[in-house]
Amino acid sequence: MAQKGKAGPRLENAVKEIIQIFVDHANGDGKLSKEELKNLFDKEIECAEAKAKICAGDCDKIMRLMDKNRNKEIEFKEYLRAVAFIAKGCYQKKTGRDQEDDD
């Protein structure tokens, strides 16, 4: 995930991109509202299968699952948990196995 024309350490660039996505959608307050979360999913997820699962009703459910402190907003730490969950799903899809199978 190199930035526009810049090559560099892929993991570092991926982390920077994950942070930038949150910052871009959090509107400066460091938290995602339900509407901001929905906009993030709409803009940042291309997979038609995943987008089909994220409709208005599902967004409420996803918000409840992500919002561990129940303040009706997604803070950065909660966002990172969701990114890790998405990464695990992508890993499973790519490799055909669960990470626990590697032990």
PDB file of N, CA and C in Angstrom:
ATOM      1  N   MET A   1       0.826  -1.194   0.000  1.00  0.00           N
ATOM      2  CA  MET A   1       0.000   0.000   0.000  1.00  0.00           C
ATOM      3  C   MET A   1       0.870   1.257   0.000  1.00  0.00           C
ATOM      4  N   ALA A   2       1.732   1.360  -0.921  1.00  0.00           N
ATOM      5  CA  ALA A   2       2.581   2.540  -0.998  1.00  0.00           C
ATOM      6  C   ALA A   2       1.740   3.762  -1.338  1.00  0.00           C
ATOM      7  N   GLN A   3       2.117   4.886  -0.760  1.00  0.00           N
ATOM      8  CA  GLN A   3       1.392   6.115  -1.036  1.00  0.00           C
ATOM      9  C   GLN A   3       1.823   6.643  -2.391  1.00  0.00           C
ATOM     10  N   LYS A   4       0.991   7.422  -3.015  1.00  0.00           N
ATOM     11  CA  LYS A   4       1.179   7.993  -4.350  1.00  0.00           C
ATOM     12  C   LYS A   4       2.651   8.102  -4.756  1.00  0.00           C
ATOM     13  N   GLY A   5       3.126   7.098  -5.483  1.00  0.00           N
ATOM     14  CA  GLY A   5       4.460   7.146  -6.029  1.00  0.00           C
ATOM     15  C   GLY A   5       5.576   6.879  -5.030  1.00  0.00           C
ATOM     16  N   LYS A   6       5.263   6.689  -3.766  1.00  0.00           N
ATOM     17  CA  LYS A   6       6.293   6.451  -2.768  1.00  0.00           C
ATOM     18  C   LYS A   6       6.349   4.961  -2.461  1.00  0.00           C
ATOM     19  N   ALA A   7       7.530   4.399  -2.643  1.00  0.00           N
ATOM     20  CA  ALA A   7       7.745   3.032  -2.217  1.00  0.00           C
ATOM     21  C   ALA A   7       8.246   3.093  -0.783  1.00  0.00           C
ATOM     22  N   GLY A   8       8.048   2.037  -0.062  1.00  0.00           N
ATOM     23  CA  GLY A   8       8.527   2.036   1.309  1.00  0.00           C
ATOM     24  C   GLY A   8       8.097   0.782   2.008  1.00  0.00           C
ATOM     25  N   PRO A   9       8.352   0.727   3.290  1.00  0.00           N
ATOM     26  CA  PRO A   9       7.976  -0.451   4.063  1.00  0.00           C
ATOM     27  C   PRO A   9       6.452  -0.678   3.994  1.00  0.00           C
ATOM     28  N   ARG A  10       6.061  -1.830   3.492  1.00  0.00           N
ATOM     29  CA  ARG A  10       4.633  -2.089   3.270  1.00  0.00           C
ATOM     30  C   ARG A  10       3.826  -2.076   4.561  1.00  0.00           C
ATOM     31  N   LEU A  11       4.327  -2.703   5.622  1.00  0.00           N
ATOM     32  CA  LEU A  11       3.572  -2.744   6.868  1.00  0.00           C
ATOM     33  C   LEU A  11       3.399  -1.344   7.446  1.00  0.00           C
ATOM     34  N   GLU A  12       4.466  -0.577   7.453  1.00  0.00           N
ATOM     35  CA  GLU A  12       4.384   0.802   7.956  1.00  0.00           C
ATOM     36  C   GLU A  12       3.375   1.611   7.149  1.00  0.00           C
ATOM     37  N   ASN A  13       3.404   1.471   5.833  1.00  0.00           N
ATOM     38  CA  ASN A  13       2.459   2.194   4.981  1.00  0.00           C
ATOM     39  C   ASN A  13       1.033   1.718   5.211  1.00  0.00           C
ATOM     40  N   ALA A  14       0.844   0.419   5.430  1.00  0.00           N
ATOM     41  CA  ALA A  14      -0.497  -0.115   5.707  1.00  0.00           C
ATOM     42  C   ALA A  14      -1.043   0.463   7.014  1.00  0.00           C
ATOM     43  N   VAL A  15      -0.191   0.530   8.026  1.00  0.00           N
ATOM     44  CA  VAL A  15      -0.613   1.094   9.317  1.00  0.00           C
ATOM     45  C   VAL A  15      -0.973   2.570   9.158  1.00  0.00           C
ATOM     46  N   LYS A  16      -0.146   3.300   8.437  1.00  0.00           N
ATOM     47  CA  LYS A  16      -0.444   4.719   8.204  1.00  0.00           C
ATOM     48  C   LYS A  16      -1.777   4.881   7.477  1.00  0.00           C
ATOM     49  N   GLU A  17      -2.051   4.004   6.518  1.00  0.00           N
ATOM     50  CA  GLU A  17      -3.307   4.080   5.766  1.00  0.00           C
ATOM     51  C   GLU A  17      -4.505   3.757   6.665  1.00  0.00           C
ATOM     52  N   ILE A  18      -4.372   2.761   7.540  1.00  0.00           N
ATOM     53  CA  ILE A  18      -5.445   2.417   8.481  1.00  0.00           C
ATOM     54  C   ILE A  18      -5.752   3.621   9.376  1.00  0.00           C
ATOM     55  N   ILE A  19      -4.713   4.282   9.851  1.00  0.00           N
ATOM     56  CA  ILE A  19      -4.888   5.468  10.696  1.00  0.00           C
ATOM     57  C   ILE A  19      -5.544   6.590   9.895  1.00  0.00           C
ATOM     58  N   GLN A  20      -5.075   6.826   8.677  1.00  0.00           N
ATOM     59  CA  GLN A  20      -5.615   7.910   7.859  1.00  0.00           C
ATOM     60  C   GLN A  20      -7.086   7.701   7.534  1.00  0.00           C
ATOM     61  N   ILE A  21      -7.468   6.470   7.288  1.00  0.00           N
ATOM     62  CA  ILE A  21      -8.881   6.173   7.012  1.00  0.00           C
ATOM     63  C   ILE A  21      -9.736   6.576   8.211  1.00  0.00           C
ATOM     64  N   PHE A  22      -9.289   6.220   9.422  1.00  0.00           N
ATOM     65  CA  PHE A  22     -10.038   6.603  10.621  1.00  0.00           C
ATOM     66  C   PHE A  22     -10.124   8.116  10.747  1.00  0.00           C
ATOM     67  N   VAL A  23      -8.982   8.791  10.608  1.00  0.00           N
ATOM     68  CA  VAL A  23      -8.930  10.250  10.743  1.00  0.00           C
ATOM     69  C   VAL A  23      -9.842  10.919   9.713  1.00  0.00           C
ATOM     70  N   ASP A  24      -9.797  10.430   8.473  1.00  0.00           N
ATOM     71  CA  ASP A  24     -10.622  11.011   7.407  1.00  0.00           C
ATOM     72  C   ASP A  24     -12.112  10.923   7.711  1.00  0.00           C
ATOM     73  N   HIS A  25     -12.526   9.857   8.355  1.00  0.00           N
ATOM     74  CA  HIS A  25     -13.957   9.647   8.581  1.00  0.00           C
ATOM     75  C   HIS A  25     -14.431  10.108   9.960  1.00  0.00           C
ATOM     76  N   ALA A  26     -13.518  10.369  10.889  1.00  0.00           N
ATOM     77  CA  ALA A  26     -13.899  10.758  12.249  1.00  0.00           C
ATOM     78  C   ALA A  26     -14.202  12.246  12.384  1.00  0.00           C
ATOM     79  N   ASN A  27     -14.068  13.021  11.326  1.00  0.00           N
ATOM     80  CA  ASN A  27     -14.408  14.444  11.323  1.00  0.00           C
ATOM     81  C   ASN A  27     -13.770  15.246  12.451  1.00  0.00           C
ATOM     82  N   GLY A  28     -12.534  14.896  12.797  1.00  0.00           N
ATOM     83  CA  GLY A  28     -11.770  15.715  13.735  1.00  0.00           C
ATOM     84  C   GLY A  28     -12.020  15.476  15.206  1.00  0.00           C
ATOM     85  N   ASP A  29     -13.027  14.681  15.572  1.00  0.00           N
ATOM     86  CA  ASP A  29     -13.292  14.487  16.997  1.00  0.00           C
ATOM     87  C   ASP A  29     -12.709  13.185  17.546  1.00  0.00           C
ATOM     88  N   GLY A  30     -12.046  12.383  16.697  1.00  0.00           N
ATOM     89  CA  GLY A  30     -11.414  11.160  17.157  1.00  0.00           C
ATOM     90  C   GLY A  30     -12.363  10.016  17.420  1.00  0.00           C
ATOM     91  N   LYS A  31     -13.606  10.137  16.953  1.00  0.00           N
ATOM     92  CA  LYS A  31     -14.609   9.089  17.150  1.00  0.00           C
ATOM     93  C   LYS A  31     -15.465   8.995  15.899  1.00  0.00           C
ATOM     94  N   LEU A  32     -16.006   7.803  15.655  1.00  0.00           N
ATOM     95  CA  LEU A  32     -16.913   7.597  14.531  1.00  0.00           C
ATOM     96  C   LEU A  32     -18.340   7.447  15.037  1.00  0.00           C
ATOM     97  N   SER A  33     -19.227   8.265  14.522  1.00  0.00           N
ATOM     98  CA  SER A  33     -20.647   8.084  14.800  1.00  0.00           C
ATOM     99  C   SER A  33     -21.155   6.940  13.927  1.00  0.00           C
ATOM    100  N   LYS A  34     -22.390   6.526  14.115  1.00  0.00           N
ATOM    101  CA  LYS A  34     -22.956   5.467  13.282  1.00  0.00           C
ATOM    102  C   LYS A  34     -22.961   5.887  11.814  1.00  0.00           C
ATOM    103  N   GLU A  35     -23.305   7.123  11.534  1.00  0.00           N
ATOM    104  CA  GLU A  35     -23.336   7.607  10.153  1.00  0.00           C
ATOM    105  C   GLU A  35     -21.920   7.658   9.558  1.00  0.00           C
ATOM    106  N   GLU A  36     -20.952   8.104  10.346  1.00  0.00           N
ATOM    107  CA  GLU A  36     -19.567   8.125   9.877  1.00  0.00           C
ATOM    108  C   GLU A  36     -19.050   6.706   9.614  1.00  0.00           C
ATOM    109  N   LEU A  37     -19.425   5.771  10.478  1.00  0.00           N
ATOM    110  CA  LEU A  37     -19.035   4.375  10.292  1.00  0.00           C
ATOM    111  C   LEU A  37     -19.628   3.817   9.003  1.00  0.00           C
ATOM    112  N   LYS A  38     -20.899   4.119   8.769  1.00  0.00           N
ATOM    113  CA  LYS A  38     -21.558   3.664   7.538  1.00  0.00           C
ATOM    114  C   LYS A  38     -20.867   4.264   6.313  1.00  0.00           C
ATOM    115  N   ASN A  39     -20.524   5.544   6.366  1.00  0.00           N
ATOM    116  CA  ASN A  39     -19.808   6.190   5.259  1.00  0.00           C
ATOM    117  C   ASN A  39     -18.434   5.560   5.048  1.00  0.00           C
ATOM    118  N   LEU A  40     -17.752   5.228   6.135  1.00  0.00           N
ATOM    119  CA  LEU A  40     -16.457   4.568   6.032  1.00  0.00           C
ATOM    120  C   LEU A  40     -16.604   3.238   5.297  1.00  0.00           C
ATOM    121  N   PHE A  41     -17.575   2.430   5.694  1.00  0.00           N
ATOM    122  CA  PHE A  41     -17.806   1.147   5.029  1.00  0.00           C
ATOM    123  C   PHE A  41     -18.140   1.348   3.553  1.00  0.00           C
ATOM    124  N   ASP A  42     -19.015   2.313   3.274  1.00  0.00           N
ATOM    125  CA  ASP A  42     -19.417   2.562   1.885  1.00  0.00           C
ATOM    126  C   ASP A  42     -18.224   2.944   1.013  1.00  0.00           C
ATOM    127  N   LYS A  43     -17.353   3.782   1.544  1.00  0.00           N
ATOM    128  CA  LYS A  43     -16.229   4.297   0.752  1.00  0.00           C
ATOM    129  C   LYS A  43     -15.027   3.359   0.737  1.00  0.00           C
ATOM    130  N   GLU A  44     -14.750   2.702   1.845  1.00  0.00           N
ATOM    131  CA  GLU A  44     -13.481   1.998   2.004  1.00  0.00           C
ATOM    132  C   GLU A  44     -13.547   0.490   1.767  1.00  0.00           C
ATOM    133  N   ILE A  45     -14.739  -0.060   1.585  1.00  0.00           N
ATOM    134  CA  ILE A  45     -14.860  -1.497   1.312  1.00  0.00           C
ATOM    135  C   ILE A  45     -15.390  -1.667  -0.102  1.00  0.00           C
ATOM    136  N   GLU A  46     -14.619  -2.361  -0.939  1.00  0.00           N
ATOM    137  CA  GLU A  46     -15.000  -2.560  -2.328  1.00  0.00           C
ATOM    138  C   GLU A  46     -15.717  -3.890  -2.552  1.00  0.00           C
ATOM    139  N   CYS A  47     -15.462  -4.869  -1.722  1.00  0.00           N
ATOM    140  CA  CYS A  47     -16.015  -6.212  -1.907  1.00  0.00           C
ATOM    141  C   CYS A  47     -17.540  -6.169  -1.896  1.00  0.00           C
ATOM    142  N   ALA A  48     -18.149  -6.543  -3.024  1.00  0.00           N
ATOM    143  CA  ALA A  48     -19.606  -6.504  -3.149  1.00  0.00           C
ATOM    144  C   ALA A  48     -20.274  -7.405  -2.113  1.00  0.00           C
ATOM    145  N   GLU A  49     -19.668  -8.543  -1.839  1.00  0.00           N
ATOM    146  CA  GLU A  49     -20.206  -9.482  -0.853  1.00  0.00           C
ATOM    147  C   GLU A  49     -20.255  -8.847   0.538  1.00  0.00           C
ATOM    148  N   ALA A  50     -19.170  -8.181   0.916  1.00  0.00           N
ATOM    149  CA  ALA A  50     -19.116  -7.514   2.219  1.00  0.00           C
ATOM    150  C   ALA A  50     -20.084  -6.346   2.276  1.00  0.00           C
ATOM    151  N   LYS A  51     -20.145  -5.556   1.188  1.00  0.00           N
ATOM    152  CA  LYS A  51     -21.061  -4.412   1.156  1.00  0.00           C
ATOM    153  C   LYS A  51     -22.513  -4.856   1.256  1.00  0.00           C
ATOM    154  N   ALA A  52     -22.836  -5.987   0.658  1.00  0.00           N
ATOM    155  CA  ALA A  52     -24.208  -6.492   0.715  1.00  0.00           C
ATOM    156  C   ALA A  52     -24.623  -6.797   2.153  1.00  0.00           C
ATOM    157  N   LYS A  53     -23.659  -7.204   2.974  1.00  0.00           N
ATOM    158  CA  LYS A  53     -23.947  -7.530   4.372  1.00  0.00           C
ATOM    159  C   LYS A  53     -24.099  -6.281   5.231  1.00  0.00           C
ATOM    160  N   ILE A  54     -23.559  -5.170   4.751  1.00  0.00           N
ATOM    161  CA  ILE A  54     -23.585  -3.929   5.528  1.00  0.00           C
ATOM    162  C   ILE A  54     -24.690  -3.028   4.980  1.00  0.00           C
ATOM    163  N   CYS A  55     -25.880  -3.290   5.404  1.00  0.00           N
ATOM    164  CA  CYS A  55     -27.005  -2.420   5.039  1.00  0.00           C
ATOM    165  C   CYS A  55     -27.389  -1.632   6.296  1.00  0.00           C
ATOM    166  N   ALA A  56     -28.385  -0.819   6.227  1.00  0.00           N
ATOM    167  CA  ALA A  56     -28.763   0.036   7.367  1.00  0.00           C
ATOM    168  C   ALA A  56     -29.010  -0.783   8.633  1.00  0.00           C
ATOM    169  N   GLY A  57     -29.727  -1.898   8.523  1.00  0.00           N
ATOM    170  CA  GLY A  57     -30.006  -2.741   9.684  1.00  0.00           C
ATOM    171  C   GLY A  57     -28.762  -3.379  10.245  1.00  0.00           C
ATOM    172  N   ASP A  58     -27.894  -3.836   9.359  1.00  0.00           N
ATOM    173  CA  ASP A  58     -26.656  -4.467   9.801  1.00  0.00           C
ATOM    174  C   ASP A  58     -25.709  -3.453  10.440  1.00  0.00           C
ATOM    175  N   CYS A  59     -25.763  -2.216   9.998  1.00  0.00           N
ATOM    176  CA  CYS A  59     -24.889  -1.185  10.554  1.00  0.00           C
ATOM    177  C   CYS A  59     -25.180  -0.993  12.049  1.00  0.00           C
ATOM    178  N   ASP A  60     -26.439  -1.058  12.436  1.00  0.00           N
ATOM    179  CA  ASP A  60     -26.792  -0.973  13.857  1.00  0.00           C
ATOM    180  C   ASP A  60     -26.153  -2.118  14.631  1.00  0.00           C
ATOM    181  N   LYS A  61     -26.236  -3.318  14.093  1.00  0.00           N
ATOM    182  CA  LYS A  61     -25.666  -4.493  14.750  1.00  0.00           C
ATOM    183  C   LYS A  61     -24.142  -4.369  14.830  1.00  0.00           C
ATOM    184  N   ILE A  62     -23.514  -3.963  13.741  1.00  0.00           N
ATOM    185  CA  ILE A  62     -22.061  -3.800  13.719  1.00  0.00           C
ATOM    186  C   ILE A  62     -21.639  -2.742  14.740  1.00  0.00           C
ATOM    187  N   MET A  63     -22.386  -1.666  14.806  1.00  0.00           N
ATOM    188  CA  MET A  63     -22.088  -0.595  15.759  1.00  0.00           C
ATOM    189  C   MET A  63     -22.134  -1.138  17.191  1.00  0.00           C
ATOM    190  N   ARG A  64     -23.165  -1.922  17.507  1.00  0.00           N
ATOM    191  CA  ARG A  64     -23.276  -2.497  18.861  1.00  0.00           C
ATOM    192  C   ARG A  64     -22.100  -3.427  19.158  1.00  0.00           C
ATOM    193  N   LEU A  65     -21.680  -4.211  18.172  1.00  0.00           N
ATOM    194  CA  LEU A  65     -20.568  -5.143  18.374  1.00  0.00           C
ATOM    195  C   LEU A  65     -19.237  -4.413  18.550  1.00  0.00           C
ATOM    196  N   MET A  66     -19.045  -3.330  17.812  1.00  0.00           N
ATOM    197  CA  MET A  66     -17.786  -2.599  17.875  1.00  0.00           C
ATOM    198  C   MET A  66     -17.688  -1.692  19.092  1.00  0.00           C
ATOM    199  N   ASP A  67     -18.808  -1.138  19.513  1.00  0.00           N
ATOM    200  CA  ASP A  67     -18.839  -0.124  20.575  1.00  0.00           C
ATOM    201  C   ASP A  67     -18.771  -0.791  21.948  1.00  0.00           C
ATOM    202  N   LYS A  68     -17.579  -1.176  22.344  1.00  0.00           N
ATOM    203  CA  LYS A  68     -17.388  -1.927  23.591  1.00  0.00           C
ATOM    204  C   LYS A  68     -17.744  -1.129  24.837  1.00  0.00           C
ATOM    205  N   ASN A  69     -17.525   0.185  24.831  1.00  0.00           N
ATOM    206  CA  ASN A  69     -17.835   0.983  26.023  1.00  0.00           C
ATOM    207  C   ASN A  69     -19.240   1.581  25.987  1.00  0.00           C
ATOM    208  N   ARG A  70     -20.000   1.256  24.946  1.00  0.00           N
ATOM    209  CA  ARG A  70     -21.420   1.628  24.809  1.00  0.00           C
ATOM    210  C   ARG A  70     -21.682   3.134  24.867  1.00  0.00           C
ATOM    211  N   ASN A  71     -20.774   3.933  24.270  1.00  0.00           N
ATOM    212  CA  ASN A  71     -20.994   5.378  24.247  1.00  0.00           C
ATOM    213  C   ASN A  71     -21.586   5.846  22.917  1.00  0.00           C
ATOM    214  N   LYS A  72     -22.001   4.883  22.087  1.00  0.00           N
ATOM    215  CA  LYS A  72     -22.646   5.141  20.797  1.00  0.00           C
ATOM    216  C   LYS A  72     -21.703   5.797  19.779  1.00  0.00           C
ATOM    217  N   GLU A  73     -20.405   5.628  20.005  1.00  0.00           N
ATOM    218  CA  GLU A  73     -19.383   6.100  19.077  1.00  0.00           C
ATOM    219  C   GLU A  73     -18.276   5.058  19.029  1.00  0.00           C
ATOM    220  N   ILE A  74     -17.570   5.008  17.900  1.00  0.00           N
ATOM    221  CA  ILE A  74     -16.455   4.085  17.754  1.00  0.00           C
ATOM    222  C   ILE A  74     -15.167   4.872  17.943  1.00  0.00           C
ATOM    223  N   GLU A  75     -14.461   4.540  18.990  1.00  0.00           N
ATOM    224  CA  GLU A  75     -13.175   5.176  19.259  1.00  0.00           C
ATOM    225  C   GLU A  75     -12.082   4.411  18.510  1.00  0.00           C
ATOM    226  N   PHE A  76     -10.900   4.979  18.441  1.00  0.00           N
ATOM    227  CA  PHE A  76      -9.826   4.395  17.645  1.00  0.00           C
ATOM    228  C   PHE A  76      -9.511   2.961  18.069  1.00  0.00           C
ATOM    229  N   LYS A  77      -9.450   2.708  19.351  1.00  0.00           N
ATOM    230  CA  LYS A  77      -9.160   1.358  19.854  1.00  0.00           C
ATOM    231  C   LYS A  77     -10.221   0.362  19.372  1.00  0.00           C
ATOM    232  N   GLU A  78     -11.464   0.769  19.383  1.00  0.00           N
ATOM    233  CA  GLU A  78     -12.556  -0.097  18.914  1.00  0.00           C
ATOM    234  C   GLU A  78     -12.451  -0.317  17.406  1.00  0.00           C
ATOM    235  N   TYR A  79     -12.073   0.717  16.686  1.00  0.00           N
ATOM    236  CA  TYR A  79     -11.858   0.630  15.244  1.00  0.00           C
ATOM    237  C   TYR A  79     -10.752  -0.377  14.934  1.00  0.00           C
ATOM    238  N   LEU A  80      -9.662  -0.334  15.699  1.00  0.00           N
ATOM    239  CA  LEU A  80      -8.556  -1.264  15.471  1.00  0.00           C
ATOM    240  C   LEU A  80      -8.982  -2.713  15.669  1.00  0.00           C
ATOM    241  N   ARG A  81      -9.840  -2.964  16.648  1.00  0.00           N
ATOM    242  CA  ARG A  81     -10.355  -4.332  16.838  1.00  0.00           C
ATOM    243  C   ARG A  81     -11.115  -4.790  15.600  1.00  0.00           C
ATOM    244  N   ALA A  82     -11.900  -3.901  15.024  1.00  0.00           N
ATOM    245  CA  ALA A  82     -12.663  -4.242  13.822  1.00  0.00           C
ATOM    246  C   ALA A  82     -11.736  -4.498  12.636  1.00  0.00           C
ATOM    247  N   VAL A  83     -10.685  -3.680  12.507  1.00  0.00           N
ATOM    248  CA  VAL A  83      -9.717  -3.878  11.424  1.00  0.00           C
ATOM    249  C   VAL A  83      -9.044  -5.245  11.582  1.00  0.00           C
ATOM    250  N   ALA A  84      -8.704  -5.614  12.799  1.00  0.00           N
ATOM    251  CA  ALA A  84      -8.089  -6.923  13.050  1.00  0.00           C
ATOM    252  C   ALA A  84      -9.048  -8.049  12.666  1.00  0.00           C
ATOM    253  N   PHE A  85     -10.318  -7.891  12.982  1.00  0.00           N
ATOM    254  CA  PHE A  85     -11.328  -8.889  12.632  1.00  0.00           C
ATOM    255  C   PHE A  85     -11.451  -9.022  11.106  1.00  0.00           C
ATOM    256  N   ILE A  86     -11.465  -7.895  10.414  1.00  0.00           N
ATOM    257  CA  ILE A  86     -11.532  -7.900   8.946  1.00  0.00           C
ATOM    258  C   ILE A  86     -10.284  -8.559   8.366  1.00  0.00           C
ATOM    259  N   ALA A  87      -9.115  -8.233   8.931  1.00  0.00           N
ATOM    260  CA  ALA A  87      -7.858  -8.822   8.454  1.00  0.00           C
ATOM    261  C   ALA A  87      -7.868 -10.339   8.627  1.00  0.00           C
ATOM    262  N   LYS A  88      -8.387 -10.809   9.738  1.00  0.00           N
ATOM    263  CA  LYS A  88      -8.465 -12.255   9.973  1.00  0.00           C
ATOM    264  C   LYS A  88      -9.359 -12.914   8.923  1.00  0.00           C
ATOM    265  N   GLY A  89     -10.485 -12.292   8.626  1.00  0.00           N
ATOM    266  CA  GLY A  89     -11.384 -12.834   7.603  1.00  0.00           C
ATOM    267  C   GLY A  89     -10.721 -12.869   6.233  1.00  0.00           C
ATOM    268  N   CYS A  90      -9.979 -11.817   5.906  1.00  0.00           N
ATOM    269  CA  CYS A  90      -9.264 -11.778   4.623  1.00  0.00           C
ATOM    270  C   CYS A  90      -8.183 -12.848   4.570  1.00  0.00           C
ATOM    271  N   TYR A  91      -7.501 -13.062   5.686  1.00  0.00           N
ATOM    272  CA  TYR A  91      -6.480 -14.105   5.773  1.00  0.00           C
ATOM    273  C   TYR A  91      -7.106 -15.475   5.532  1.00  0.00           C
ATOM    274  N   GLN A  92      -8.224 -15.721   6.191  1.00  0.00           N
ATOM    275  CA  GLN A  92      -8.907 -17.005   6.035  1.00  0.00           C
ATOM    276  C   GLN A  92      -9.343 -17.221   4.590  1.00  0.00           C
ATOM    277  N   LYS A  93      -9.855 -16.183   3.970  1.00  0.00           N
ATOM    278  CA  LYS A  93     -10.306 -16.291   2.583  1.00  0.00           C
ATOM    279  C   LYS A  93      -9.122 -16.544   1.645  1.00  0.00           C
ATOM    280  N   LYS A  94      -8.021 -15.861   1.873  1.00  0.00           N
ATOM    281  CA  LYS A  94      -6.845 -15.983   1.005  1.00  0.00           C
ATOM    282  C   LYS A  94      -6.172 -17.344   1.145  1.00  0.00           C
ATOM    283  N   THR A  95      -6.074 -17.842   2.378  1.00  0.00           N
ATOM    284  CA  THR A  95      -5.329 -19.072   2.630  1.00  0.00           C
ATOM    285  C   THR A  95      -6.213 -20.308   2.740  1.00  0.00           C
ATOM    286  N   GLY A  96      -7.490 -20.097   2.958  1.00  0.00           N
ATOM    287  CA  GLY A  96      -8.398 -21.227   3.135  1.00  0.00           C
ATOM    288  C   GLY A  96      -8.298 -21.873   4.505  1.00  0.00           C
ATOM    289  N   ARG A  97      -7.679 -21.184   5.438  1.00  0.00           N
ATOM    290  CA  ARG A  97      -7.568 -21.756   6.782  1.00  0.00           C
ATOM    291  C   ARG A  97      -7.636 -20.677   7.841  1.00  0.00           C
ATOM    292  N   ASP A  98      -7.950 -21.117   9.038  1.00  0.00           N
ATOM    293  CA  ASP A  98      -8.024 -20.224  10.185  1.00  0.00           C
ATOM    294  C   ASP A  98      -6.631 -20.099  10.788  1.00  0.00           C
ATOM    295  N   GLN A  99      -6.326 -18.950  11.358  1.00  0.00           N
ATOM    296  CA  GLN A  99      -4.996 -18.718  11.945  1.00  0.00           C
ATOM    297  C   GLN A  99      -4.698 -19.743  13.023  1.00  0.00           C
ATOM    298  N   GLU A 100      -5.703 -20.180  13.784  1.00  0.00           N
ATOM    299  CA  GLU A 100      -5.483 -21.157  14.841  1.00  0.00           C
ATOM    300  C   GLU A 100      -4.984 -22.486  14.273  1.00  0.00           C
ATOM    301  N   ASP A 101      -5.253 -22.760  12.982  1.00  0.00           N
ATOM    302  CA  ASP A 101      -4.776 -23.994  12.355  1.00  0.00           C
ATOM    303  C   ASP A 101      -3.263 -24.005  12.217  1.00  0.00           C
ATOM    304  N   ASP A 102      -2.620 -22.835  12.316  1.00  0.00           N
ATOM    305  CA  ASP A 102      -1.181 -22.739  12.112  1.00  0.00           C
ATOM    306  C   ASP A 102      -0.378 -23.163  13.339  1.00  0.00           C
ATOM    307  N   ASP A 103      -1.014 -23.302  14.493  1.00  0.00           N
ATOM    308  CA  ASP A 103      -0.291 -23.613  15.736  1.00  0.00           C
ATOM    309  C   ASP A 103       0.329 -24.980  15.713  1.00  0.00           C
TER     310      ASP A 103
END
